[in-house]
Amino acid sequence: RSWERGRAGTCSRICARTAHLRAHVDMPVRILDEQSIKEYFPDGIKPAKAMTPEMELYFLCDAGKAQPRLERCLARKPDINKPNEMGVTALMFACASWSVPFVSRLLEEKADPNAEDRNGARALNIVNDLIAQWESDAELEREDCRKRRLAMEVTGTILWDRPNVEELEPFTDVPKLYEIRRLLEQAGGKPGENVRRPGYD
């Protein structure tokens, strides 16, 4: 059936383009037994209280949600610009999670938009790369959409289709990345000029 072949071909192209985005989903889930939990969190101490304010801030910004929890964390007076072992700051995590409220709040707390990780990347490098990636994927989706609908028009056959790219997630959230870029630039942020690519450079 032509419609099944068209659908299978489109799905395979989409899956191939987004395989790198599913890497986190495909990772094995680590199951902790009772003994492991006792080792990680001795004496029944809650995780948020056992970890440093900076570590808690990394986790919160990596998710980019729960603003009340962020405020409680900031009340513990973490070092906003302290990097983790890879040189990544809380602001970089917030940018990677597409969280406009978190980025805005961290900048209010004097987060440095020009801090660099161990590879020389800054927050703007992260945002610019995400914008380039998703705009490229959006254009490929538009091309696939045009081909699907042209085939239906020419053949008169109803084929598998889906909404325009502007109505699909996460493409609907791409404007958040532009807003984050605006906030970083307004705060004086600039992209790193000598970013190293491990395994390539």
N, C-alpha and C. Protein backbone atom coordinates (compact mmCIF):
# COMPACT_ATOMS: atom_id res chain seq x y z
N ARG A 1 0.84 -1.20 0.00
CA ARG A 1 0.00 0.00 0.00
C ARG A 1 0.87 1.24 0.00
N SER A 2 0.53 2.16 -0.87
CA SER A 2 1.37 3.35 -1.02
C SER A 2 1.38 4.19 0.24
N TRP A 3 0.19 4.30 0.91
CA TRP A 3 0.15 5.16 2.10
C TRP A 3 0.99 4.58 3.22
N GLU A 4 1.05 3.23 3.31
CA GLU A 4 1.87 2.62 4.35
C GLU A 4 3.35 2.82 4.08
N ARG A 5 3.73 2.71 2.79
CA ARG A 5 5.13 2.94 2.44
C ARG A 5 5.53 4.38 2.71
N GLY A 6 4.63 5.32 2.38
CA GLY A 6 4.91 6.73 2.62
C GLY A 6 5.06 7.03 4.10
N ARG A 7 4.17 6.43 4.89
CA ARG A 7 4.24 6.66 6.33
C ARG A 7 5.51 6.04 6.92
N ALA A 8 5.84 4.83 6.49
CA ALA A 8 7.03 4.17 7.00
C ALA A 8 8.29 4.93 6.64
N GLY A 9 8.33 5.44 5.40
CA GLY A 9 9.51 6.19 4.97
C GLY A 9 9.68 7.47 5.75
N THR A 10 8.56 8.19 5.97
CA THR A 10 8.63 9.44 6.72
C THR A 10 9.04 9.19 8.16
N CYS A 11 8.45 8.15 8.77
CA CYS A 11 8.78 7.83 10.17
C CYS A 11 10.25 7.45 10.31
N SER A 12 10.76 6.70 9.35
CA SER A 12 12.16 6.29 9.45
C SER A 12 13.08 7.48 9.34
N ARG A 13 12.73 8.46 8.48
CA ARG A 13 13.57 9.66 8.34
C ARG A 13 13.53 10.50 9.62
N ILE A 14 12.34 10.62 10.20
CA ILE A 14 12.21 11.40 11.44
C ILE A 14 12.98 10.72 12.56
N CYS A 15 12.86 9.39 12.66
CA CYS A 15 13.56 8.65 13.73
C CYS A 15 15.06 8.78 13.56
N ALA A 16 15.54 8.75 12.32
CA ALA A 16 16.97 8.85 12.09
C ALA A 16 17.48 10.22 12.49
N ARG A 17 16.69 11.27 12.22
CA ARG A 17 17.13 12.62 12.53
C ARG A 17 17.10 12.90 14.02
N THR A 18 16.18 12.22 14.75
CA THR A 18 16.02 12.52 16.17
C THR A 18 16.59 11.44 17.06
N ALA A 19 17.41 10.55 16.50
CA ALA A 19 17.96 9.46 17.31
C ALA A 19 18.80 9.99 18.46
N HIS A 20 19.54 11.08 18.22
CA HIS A 20 20.39 11.62 19.27
C HIS A 20 19.58 12.19 20.42
N LEU A 21 18.31 12.57 20.15
CA LEU A 21 17.48 13.14 21.20
C LEU A 21 16.89 12.05 22.09
N ARG A 22 16.87 10.79 21.61
CA ARG A 22 16.32 9.71 22.39
C ARG A 22 17.36 8.98 23.21
N ALA A 23 18.60 9.48 23.18
CA ALA A 23 19.68 8.78 23.87
C ALA A 23 19.38 8.65 25.36
N HIS A 24 18.82 9.71 25.96
CA HIS A 24 18.54 9.67 27.39
C HIS A 24 17.44 8.66 27.71
N VAL A 25 16.46 8.54 26.80
CA VAL A 25 15.35 7.63 27.04
C VAL A 25 15.83 6.18 26.98
N ASP A 26 16.77 5.89 26.09
CA ASP A 26 17.23 4.52 25.89
C ASP A 26 18.21 4.05 26.94
N MET A 27 18.67 4.94 27.81
CA MET A 27 19.63 4.53 28.82
C MET A 27 18.95 3.62 29.84
N PRO A 28 19.67 2.61 30.35
CA PRO A 28 19.06 1.70 31.32
C PRO A 28 18.70 2.42 32.61
N VAL A 29 17.62 2.01 33.21
CA VAL A 29 17.18 2.61 34.46
C VAL A 29 17.88 1.92 35.62
N ARG A 30 18.46 2.70 36.49
CA ARG A 30 19.16 2.15 37.64
C ARG A 30 18.19 2.01 38.80
N ILE A 31 18.03 0.79 39.29
CA ILE A 31 17.11 0.52 40.39
C ILE A 31 17.92 0.39 41.69
N LEU A 32 17.59 1.22 42.67
CA LEU A 32 18.30 1.20 43.95
C LEU A 32 17.56 0.33 44.94
N ASP A 33 18.29 -0.58 45.59
CA ASP A 33 17.67 -1.38 46.63
C ASP A 33 17.74 -0.61 47.96
N GLU A 34 17.16 -1.19 48.98
CA GLU A 34 17.08 -0.51 50.27
C GLU A 34 18.45 -0.20 50.84
N GLN A 35 19.39 -1.12 50.69
CA GLN A 35 20.73 -0.91 51.22
C GLN A 35 21.42 0.24 50.51
N SER A 36 21.26 0.32 49.19
CA SER A 36 21.87 1.41 48.42
C SER A 36 21.31 2.76 48.84
N ILE A 37 20.01 2.78 49.10
CA ILE A 37 19.38 4.03 49.53
C ILE A 37 19.97 4.49 50.86
N LYS A 38 20.20 3.55 51.76
CA LYS A 38 20.78 3.91 53.06
C LYS A 38 22.20 4.45 52.90
N GLU A 39 22.94 3.90 51.93
CA GLU A 39 24.30 4.37 51.69
C GLU A 39 24.31 5.76 51.08
N TYR A 40 23.36 6.01 50.18
CA TYR A 40 23.31 7.32 49.53
C TYR A 40 22.77 8.39 50.48
N PHE A 41 21.76 8.03 51.27
CA PHE A 41 21.10 9.01 52.13
C PHE A 41 21.10 8.48 53.57
N PRO A 42 22.21 8.60 54.26
CA PRO A 42 22.31 8.07 55.62
C PRO A 42 21.39 8.78 56.60
N ASP A 43 20.95 8.02 57.59
CA ASP A 43 20.14 8.56 58.70
C ASP A 43 18.84 9.19 58.23
N GLY A 44 18.34 8.77 57.07
CA GLY A 44 17.06 9.27 56.60
C GLY A 44 17.04 10.73 56.21
N ILE A 45 18.20 11.31 55.91
CA ILE A 45 18.26 12.72 55.51
C ILE A 45 17.68 12.87 54.11
N LYS A 46 16.82 13.86 53.92
CA LYS A 46 16.23 14.09 52.61
C LYS A 46 17.32 14.52 51.62
N PRO A 47 17.21 14.07 50.36
CA PRO A 47 18.25 14.39 49.37
C PRO A 47 18.56 15.88 49.26
N ALA A 48 17.52 16.72 49.24
CA ALA A 48 17.74 18.15 49.06
C ALA A 48 18.53 18.76 50.22
N LYS A 49 18.39 18.16 51.41
CA LYS A 49 19.13 18.67 52.56
C LYS A 49 20.52 18.07 52.66
N ALA A 50 20.70 16.88 52.08
CA ALA A 50 21.99 16.22 52.14
C ALA A 50 22.97 16.80 51.13
N MET A 51 22.46 17.31 50.01
CA MET A 51 23.34 17.84 48.96
C MET A 51 23.65 19.31 49.20
N THR A 52 24.72 19.76 48.61
CA THR A 52 25.10 21.17 48.73
C THR A 52 24.10 22.05 47.98
N PRO A 53 24.02 23.34 48.34
CA PRO A 53 23.12 24.23 47.60
C PRO A 53 23.45 24.28 46.11
N GLU A 54 24.74 24.23 45.78
CA GLU A 54 25.13 24.27 44.38
C GLU A 54 24.67 23.03 43.62
N MET A 55 24.81 21.85 44.25
CA MET A 55 24.37 20.61 43.61
C MET A 55 22.86 20.61 43.40
N GLU A 56 22.14 21.08 44.40
CA GLU A 56 20.69 21.17 44.26
C GLU A 56 20.32 22.11 43.12
N LEU A 57 21.06 23.21 43.01
CA LEU A 57 20.78 24.18 41.95
C LEU A 57 21.02 23.57 40.57
N TYR A 58 22.07 22.76 40.43
CA TYR A 58 22.31 22.09 39.14
C TYR A 58 21.11 21.23 38.76
N PHE A 59 20.64 20.42 39.71
CA PHE A 59 19.52 19.51 39.42
C PHE A 59 18.26 20.29 39.06
N LEU A 60 17.98 21.35 39.79
CA LEU A 60 16.78 22.14 39.52
C LEU A 60 16.85 22.80 38.14
N CYS A 61 18.00 23.35 37.81
CA CYS A 61 18.14 24.04 36.52
C CYS A 61 18.16 23.06 35.36
N ASP A 62 18.62 21.84 35.61
CA ASP A 62 18.62 20.83 34.56
C ASP A 62 17.19 20.46 34.17
N ALA A 63 16.26 20.54 35.14
CA ALA A 63 14.84 20.27 34.85
C ALA A 63 14.14 21.54 34.37
N GLY A 64 14.53 22.69 34.96
CA GLY A 64 13.96 23.96 34.52
C GLY A 64 12.52 24.18 34.92
N LYS A 65 12.07 23.52 35.98
CA LYS A 65 10.69 23.68 36.44
C LYS A 65 10.71 23.96 37.94
N ALA A 66 9.53 24.01 38.56
CA ALA A 66 9.40 24.17 40.01
C ALA A 66 10.10 25.44 40.52
N GLN A 67 9.55 26.60 40.15
CA GLN A 67 10.14 27.87 40.58
C GLN A 67 10.12 28.06 42.10
N PRO A 68 9.07 27.62 42.81
CA PRO A 68 9.12 27.75 44.28
C PRO A 68 10.31 27.00 44.87
N ARG A 69 10.60 25.83 44.31
CA ARG A 69 11.76 25.06 44.79
C ARG A 69 13.05 25.82 44.47
N LEU A 70 13.09 26.49 43.34
CA LEU A 70 14.27 27.29 43.00
C LEU A 70 14.47 28.40 44.02
N GLU A 71 13.39 29.05 44.41
CA GLU A 71 13.50 30.14 45.38
C GLU A 71 14.00 29.62 46.73
N ARG A 72 13.54 28.44 47.13
CA ARG A 72 14.03 27.87 48.39
C ARG A 72 15.51 27.54 48.30
N CYS A 73 15.92 27.08 47.11
CA CYS A 73 17.34 26.78 46.92
C CYS A 73 18.17 28.06 46.96
N LEU A 74 17.70 29.11 46.32
CA LEU A 74 18.44 30.37 46.31
C LEU A 74 18.53 30.96 47.71
N ALA A 75 17.54 30.66 48.55
CA ALA A 75 17.57 31.15 49.93
C ALA A 75 18.72 30.51 50.72
N ARG A 76 19.24 29.38 50.22
CA ARG A 76 20.39 28.72 50.87
C ARG A 76 21.72 29.37 50.46
N LYS A 77 21.63 30.39 49.64
CA LYS A 77 22.80 31.17 49.22
C LYS A 77 23.86 30.33 48.49
N PRO A 78 23.46 29.65 47.41
CA PRO A 78 24.47 28.91 46.64
C PRO A 78 25.36 29.86 45.87
N ASP A 79 26.54 29.39 45.50
CA ASP A 79 27.41 30.16 44.61
C ASP A 79 26.86 29.98 43.20
N ILE A 80 26.17 31.01 42.69
CA ILE A 80 25.47 30.93 41.41
C ILE A 80 26.40 30.54 40.27
N ASN A 81 27.62 31.00 40.33
CA ASN A 81 28.56 30.80 39.21
C ASN A 81 29.54 29.65 39.42
N LYS A 82 29.32 28.86 40.48
CA LYS A 82 30.22 27.74 40.70
C LYS A 82 29.97 26.66 39.65
N PRO A 83 31.00 26.24 38.91
CA PRO A 83 30.81 25.20 37.88
C PRO A 83 30.89 23.80 38.49
N ASN A 84 30.32 22.84 37.78
CA ASN A 84 30.50 21.45 38.22
C ASN A 84 31.84 20.93 37.71
N GLU A 85 32.05 19.62 37.80
CA GLU A 85 33.35 19.07 37.42
C GLU A 85 33.68 19.23 35.95
N MET A 86 32.65 19.48 35.12
CA MET A 86 32.88 19.70 33.68
C MET A 86 32.88 21.18 33.31
N GLY A 87 32.81 22.03 34.33
CA GLY A 87 32.82 23.47 34.07
C GLY A 87 31.46 24.04 33.72
N VAL A 88 30.41 23.22 33.84
CA VAL A 88 29.05 23.67 33.48
C VAL A 88 28.42 24.39 34.66
N THR A 89 27.83 25.54 34.41
CA THR A 89 27.19 26.32 35.46
C THR A 89 25.69 26.09 35.47
N ALA A 90 25.05 26.57 36.53
CA ALA A 90 23.59 26.44 36.65
C ALA A 90 22.90 27.16 35.48
N LEU A 91 23.44 28.29 35.06
CA LEU A 91 22.84 29.03 33.94
C LEU A 91 22.88 28.21 32.66
N MET A 92 23.96 27.49 32.44
CA MET A 92 24.05 26.64 31.25
C MET A 92 23.01 25.53 31.29
N PHE A 93 22.83 24.93 32.49
CA PHE A 93 21.80 23.90 32.62
C PHE A 93 20.42 24.47 32.31
N ALA A 94 20.14 25.66 32.82
CA ALA A 94 18.84 26.28 32.60
C ALA A 94 18.61 26.59 31.12
N CYS A 95 19.66 27.02 30.43
CA CYS A 95 19.55 27.27 28.99
C CYS A 95 19.26 25.99 28.24
N ALA A 96 19.94 24.91 28.61
CA ALA A 96 19.75 23.63 27.93
C ALA A 96 18.37 23.05 28.18
N SER A 97 17.71 23.47 29.27
CA SER A 97 16.37 22.97 29.56
C SER A 97 15.28 23.88 29.00
N TRP A 98 15.67 24.91 28.24
CA TRP A 98 14.73 25.82 27.58
C TRP A 98 13.87 26.57 28.59
N SER A 99 14.40 26.84 29.77
CA SER A 99 13.61 27.44 30.84
C SER A 99 13.82 28.95 30.91
N VAL A 100 12.91 29.70 30.33
CA VAL A 100 13.00 31.17 30.35
C VAL A 100 12.93 31.70 31.79
N PRO A 101 11.99 31.23 32.63
CA PRO A 101 11.93 31.75 34.01
C PRO A 101 13.21 31.51 34.80
N PHE A 102 13.81 30.32 34.65
CA PHE A 102 15.03 30.02 35.39
C PHE A 102 16.19 30.88 34.92
N VAL A 103 16.32 31.04 33.61
CA VAL A 103 17.40 31.87 33.07
C VAL A 103 17.25 33.30 33.57
N SER A 104 16.03 33.82 33.49
CA SER A 104 15.78 35.19 33.94
C SER A 104 16.12 35.36 35.42
N ARG A 105 15.71 34.38 36.24
CA ARG A 105 15.95 34.48 37.69
C ARG A 105 17.44 34.37 38.02
N LEU A 106 18.15 33.50 37.34
CA LEU A 106 19.58 33.36 37.59
C LEU A 106 20.33 34.63 37.18
N LEU A 107 19.92 35.24 36.10
CA LEU A 107 20.56 36.48 35.68
C LEU A 107 20.30 37.59 36.69
N GLU A 108 19.12 37.57 37.31
CA GLU A 108 18.83 38.54 38.37
C GLU A 108 19.78 38.35 39.55
N GLU A 109 20.18 37.10 39.76
CA GLU A 109 21.10 36.78 40.86
C GLU A 109 22.57 36.92 40.44
N LYS A 110 22.80 37.60 39.31
CA LYS A 110 24.15 37.91 38.82
C LYS A 110 24.89 36.67 38.29
N ALA A 111 24.15 35.75 37.68
CA ALA A 111 24.82 34.63 37.01
C ALA A 111 25.63 35.18 35.84
N ASP A 112 26.81 34.65 35.65
CA ASP A 112 27.72 35.13 34.60
C ASP A 112 27.38 34.47 33.27
N PRO A 113 26.87 35.24 32.30
CA PRO A 113 26.52 34.64 31.00
C PRO A 113 27.75 34.30 30.15
N ASN A 114 28.92 34.75 30.57
CA ASN A 114 30.14 34.50 29.79
C ASN A 114 31.07 33.47 30.44
N ALA A 115 30.56 32.76 31.44
CA ALA A 115 31.36 31.67 32.02
C ALA A 115 31.53 30.57 30.98
N GLU A 116 32.69 29.94 30.96
CA GLU A 116 32.98 28.90 29.97
C GLU A 116 33.15 27.54 30.65
N ASP A 117 32.70 26.49 29.97
CA ASP A 117 32.94 25.16 30.49
C ASP A 117 34.34 24.69 30.07
N ARG A 118 34.66 23.44 30.33
CA ARG A 118 36.02 22.96 30.05
C ARG A 118 36.34 22.94 28.56
N ASN A 119 35.32 22.99 27.72
CA ASN A 119 35.54 22.99 26.28
C ASN A 119 35.44 24.38 25.66
N GLY A 120 35.30 25.39 26.51
CA GLY A 120 35.25 26.76 26.01
C GLY A 120 33.87 27.23 25.57
N ALA A 121 32.83 26.42 25.83
CA ALA A 121 31.47 26.81 25.45
C ALA A 121 30.84 27.68 26.53
N ARG A 122 30.07 28.65 26.08
CA ARG A 122 29.32 29.52 26.99
C ARG A 122 27.82 29.26 26.83
N ALA A 123 27.04 29.93 27.64
CA ALA A 123 25.59 29.73 27.59
C ALA A 123 25.04 30.03 26.20
N LEU A 124 25.54 31.09 25.56
CA LEU A 124 25.04 31.44 24.24
C LEU A 124 25.39 30.39 23.19
N ASN A 125 26.52 29.71 23.36
CA ASN A 125 26.84 28.62 22.44
C ASN A 125 25.80 27.52 22.52
N ILE A 126 25.38 27.21 23.75
CA ILE A 126 24.37 26.18 23.94
C ILE A 126 23.06 26.57 23.27
N VAL A 127 22.63 27.81 23.49
CA VAL A 127 21.36 28.27 22.93
C VAL A 127 21.44 28.35 21.41
N ASN A 128 22.52 28.90 20.90
CA ASN A 128 22.66 29.01 19.44
C ASN A 128 22.66 27.65 18.77
N ASP A 129 23.32 26.68 19.39
CA ASP A 129 23.34 25.33 18.83
C ASP A 129 21.95 24.71 18.83
N LEU A 130 21.20 24.92 19.91
CA LEU A 130 19.85 24.39 19.97
C LEU A 130 18.95 25.03 18.92
N ILE A 131 19.08 26.34 18.75
CA ILE A 131 18.27 27.04 17.74
C ILE A 131 18.60 26.51 16.35
N ALA A 132 19.88 26.39 16.04
CA ALA A 132 20.29 25.90 14.72
C ALA A 132 19.77 24.48 14.49
N GLN A 133 19.88 23.63 15.51
CA GLN A 133 19.44 22.24 15.38
C GLN A 133 17.94 22.15 15.12
N TRP A 134 17.15 22.85 15.94
CA TRP A 134 15.70 22.72 15.81
C TRP A 134 15.14 23.47 14.61
N GLU A 135 15.77 24.56 14.19
CA GLU A 135 15.33 25.23 12.97
C GLU A 135 15.62 24.34 11.76
N SER A 136 16.75 23.63 11.79
CA SER A 136 17.08 22.70 10.71
C SER A 136 16.07 21.55 10.67
N ASP A 137 15.75 21.00 11.85
CA ASP A 137 14.77 19.92 11.91
C ASP A 137 13.39 20.40 11.47
N ALA A 138 13.05 21.64 11.79
CA ALA A 138 11.76 22.19 11.39
C ALA A 138 11.68 22.31 9.86
N GLU A 139 12.76 22.73 9.24
CA GLU A 139 12.76 22.85 7.78
C GLU A 139 12.64 21.48 7.12
N LEU A 140 13.30 20.47 7.68
CA LEU A 140 13.17 19.11 7.15
C LEU A 140 11.74 18.60 7.30
N GLU A 141 11.12 18.92 8.43
CA GLU A 141 9.72 18.52 8.64
C GLU A 141 8.80 19.22 7.65
N ARG A 142 9.06 20.50 7.37
CA ARG A 142 8.25 21.21 6.37
C ARG A 142 8.39 20.57 5.00
N GLU A 143 9.62 20.17 4.66
CA GLU A 143 9.86 19.52 3.37
C GLU A 143 9.10 18.20 3.28
N ASP A 144 9.15 17.40 4.34
CA ASP A 144 8.41 16.14 4.36
C ASP A 144 6.92 16.39 4.25
N CYS A 145 6.44 17.43 4.92
CA CYS A 145 5.02 17.78 4.89
C CYS A 145 4.59 18.15 3.47
N ARG A 146 5.40 18.96 2.79
CA ARG A 146 5.06 19.35 1.42
C ARG A 146 5.00 18.13 0.50
N LYS A 147 5.94 17.20 0.68
CA LYS A 147 5.97 16.00 -0.16
C LYS A 147 4.74 15.13 0.10
N ARG A 148 4.37 14.98 1.36
CA ARG A 148 3.20 14.16 1.69
C ARG A 148 1.94 14.74 1.05
N ARG A 149 1.78 16.04 1.20
CA ARG A 149 0.54 16.67 0.72
C ARG A 149 0.51 16.79 -0.80
N LEU A 150 1.69 16.94 -1.40
CA LEU A 150 1.74 16.95 -2.87
C LEU A 150 1.36 15.58 -3.41
N ALA A 151 1.86 14.53 -2.74
CA ALA A 151 1.52 13.16 -3.18
C ALA A 151 0.02 12.92 -3.09
N MET A 152 -0.61 13.43 -2.03
CA MET A 152 -2.06 13.26 -1.89
C MET A 152 -2.80 14.02 -2.98
N GLU A 153 -2.30 15.24 -3.29
CA GLU A 153 -2.96 16.05 -4.30
C GLU A 153 -2.84 15.43 -5.69
N VAL A 154 -1.66 14.92 -5.99
CA VAL A 154 -1.41 14.36 -7.33
C VAL A 154 -2.14 13.03 -7.51
N THR A 155 -2.07 12.17 -6.49
CA THR A 155 -2.65 10.82 -6.63
C THR A 155 -4.12 10.75 -6.24
N GLY A 156 -4.58 11.74 -5.47
CA GLY A 156 -5.95 11.67 -4.98
C GLY A 156 -6.14 10.65 -3.90
N THR A 157 -5.02 10.19 -3.32
CA THR A 157 -5.05 9.18 -2.27
C THR A 157 -4.83 9.83 -0.92
N ILE A 158 -5.58 9.37 0.09
CA ILE A 158 -5.38 9.88 1.44
C ILE A 158 -4.21 9.14 2.07
N LEU A 159 -3.16 9.87 2.39
CA LEU A 159 -1.96 9.30 2.99
C LEU A 159 -1.86 9.71 4.46
N TRP A 160 -0.96 9.04 5.17
CA TRP A 160 -0.70 9.44 6.56
C TRP A 160 -0.14 10.85 6.58
N ASP A 161 -0.63 11.66 7.48
CA ASP A 161 -0.16 13.04 7.59
C ASP A 161 -0.21 13.44 9.05
N ARG A 162 0.34 14.62 9.34
CA ARG A 162 0.27 15.18 10.68
C ARG A 162 0.25 16.69 10.58
N PRO A 163 -0.01 17.41 11.69
CA PRO A 163 -0.14 18.87 11.63
C PRO A 163 1.12 19.56 11.12
N ASN A 164 0.95 20.83 10.78
CA ASN A 164 2.10 21.64 10.37
C ASN A 164 3.12 21.71 11.48
N VAL A 165 4.37 21.95 11.10
CA VAL A 165 5.45 21.94 12.09
C VAL A 165 5.22 22.98 13.18
N GLU A 166 4.56 24.08 12.84
CA GLU A 166 4.30 25.13 13.84
C GLU A 166 3.36 24.67 14.95
N GLU A 167 2.68 23.53 14.74
CA GLU A 167 1.74 23.01 15.72
C GLU A 167 2.28 21.79 16.45
N LEU A 168 3.50 21.39 16.13
CA LEU A 168 4.07 20.18 16.72
C LEU A 168 5.02 20.51 17.86
N GLU A 169 4.99 19.69 18.89
CA GLU A 169 5.99 19.81 19.95
C GLU A 169 7.23 19.02 19.55
N PRO A 170 8.43 19.46 19.93
CA PRO A 170 8.74 20.66 20.72
C PRO A 170 8.95 21.92 19.87
N PHE A 171 8.59 21.84 18.57
CA PHE A 171 8.81 23.01 17.72
C PHE A 171 8.03 24.22 18.22
N THR A 172 6.89 23.97 18.89
CA THR A 172 6.10 25.08 19.42
C THR A 172 6.83 25.84 20.53
N ASP A 173 7.86 25.19 21.11
CA ASP A 173 8.61 25.83 22.20
C ASP A 173 9.88 26.52 21.74
N VAL A 174 10.19 26.45 20.46
CA VAL A 174 11.42 27.07 19.95
C VAL A 174 11.49 28.57 20.26
N PRO A 175 10.36 29.32 20.24
CA PRO A 175 10.44 30.74 20.63
C PRO A 175 11.06 30.97 22.00
N LYS A 176 10.98 29.98 22.89
CA LYS A 176 11.61 30.12 24.20
C LYS A 176 13.12 30.28 24.06
N LEU A 177 13.70 29.56 23.10
CA LEU A 177 15.14 29.66 22.89
C LEU A 177 15.54 31.06 22.42
N TYR A 178 14.72 31.65 21.58
CA TYR A 178 15.01 33.02 21.12
C TYR A 178 14.89 34.01 22.27
N GLU A 179 13.93 33.78 23.17
CA GLU A 179 13.79 34.65 24.33
C GLU A 179 14.98 34.50 25.27
N ILE A 180 15.45 33.27 25.45
CA ILE A 180 16.63 33.04 26.29
C ILE A 180 17.85 33.72 25.67
N ARG A 181 17.99 33.63 24.37
CA ARG A 181 19.11 34.30 23.71
C ARG A 181 19.04 35.80 23.91
N ARG A 182 17.84 36.35 23.83
CA ARG A 182 17.67 37.79 24.04
C ARG A 182 18.08 38.18 25.46
N LEU A 183 17.68 37.38 26.44
CA LEU A 183 18.02 37.67 27.83
C LEU A 183 19.53 37.61 28.05
N LEU A 184 20.18 36.61 27.46
CA LEU A 184 21.63 36.49 27.62
C LEU A 184 22.36 37.66 26.98
N GLU A 185 21.94 38.03 25.78
CA GLU A 185 22.59 39.15 25.10
C GLU A 185 22.34 40.45 25.84
N GLN A 186 21.15 40.60 26.41
CA GLN A 186 20.84 41.80 27.18
C GLN A 186 21.73 41.90 28.42
N ALA A 187 22.12 40.73 28.94
CA ALA A 187 22.99 40.69 30.13
C ALA A 187 24.47 40.77 29.76
N GLY A 188 24.75 40.97 28.48
CA GLY A 188 26.14 41.09 28.05
C GLY A 188 26.78 39.79 27.62
N GLY A 189 25.98 38.76 27.46
CA GLY A 189 26.52 37.47 27.08
C GLY A 189 26.99 37.43 25.63
N LYS A 190 28.07 36.70 25.41
CA LYS A 190 28.62 36.49 24.07
C LYS A 190 29.01 35.03 23.92
N PRO A 191 28.94 34.49 22.71
CA PRO A 191 29.34 33.09 22.52
C PRO A 191 30.86 32.93 22.62
N GLY A 192 31.29 31.78 23.09
CA GLY A 192 32.72 31.49 23.13
C GLY A 192 33.27 31.36 21.71
N GLU A 193 34.46 31.86 21.50
CA GLU A 193 35.03 31.88 20.15
C GLU A 193 35.93 30.68 19.87
N ASN A 194 36.38 30.00 20.91
CA ASN A 194 37.31 28.87 20.71
C ASN A 194 36.76 27.62 21.39
N VAL A 195 35.60 27.19 20.92
CA VAL A 195 34.96 26.02 21.50
C VAL A 195 35.61 24.75 20.95
N ARG A 196 36.02 23.89 21.86
CA ARG A 196 36.63 22.62 21.45
C ARG A 196 35.56 21.53 21.39
N ARG A 197 35.73 20.63 20.43
CA ARG A 197 34.81 19.50 20.28
C ARG A 197 35.56 18.22 20.59
N PRO A 198 35.36 17.67 21.78
CA PRO A 198 36.07 16.44 22.16
C PRO A 198 35.85 15.33 21.14
N GLY A 199 36.92 14.71 20.72
CA GLY A 199 36.82 13.66 19.74
C GLY A 199 36.96 14.13 18.31
N TYR A 200 36.87 15.46 18.11
CA TYR A 200 37.01 16.03 16.77
C TYR A 200 38.20 16.96 16.66
N ASP A 201 38.41 17.79 17.68
CA ASP A 201 39.50 18.75 17.66
C ASP A 201 40.78 18.16 18.25
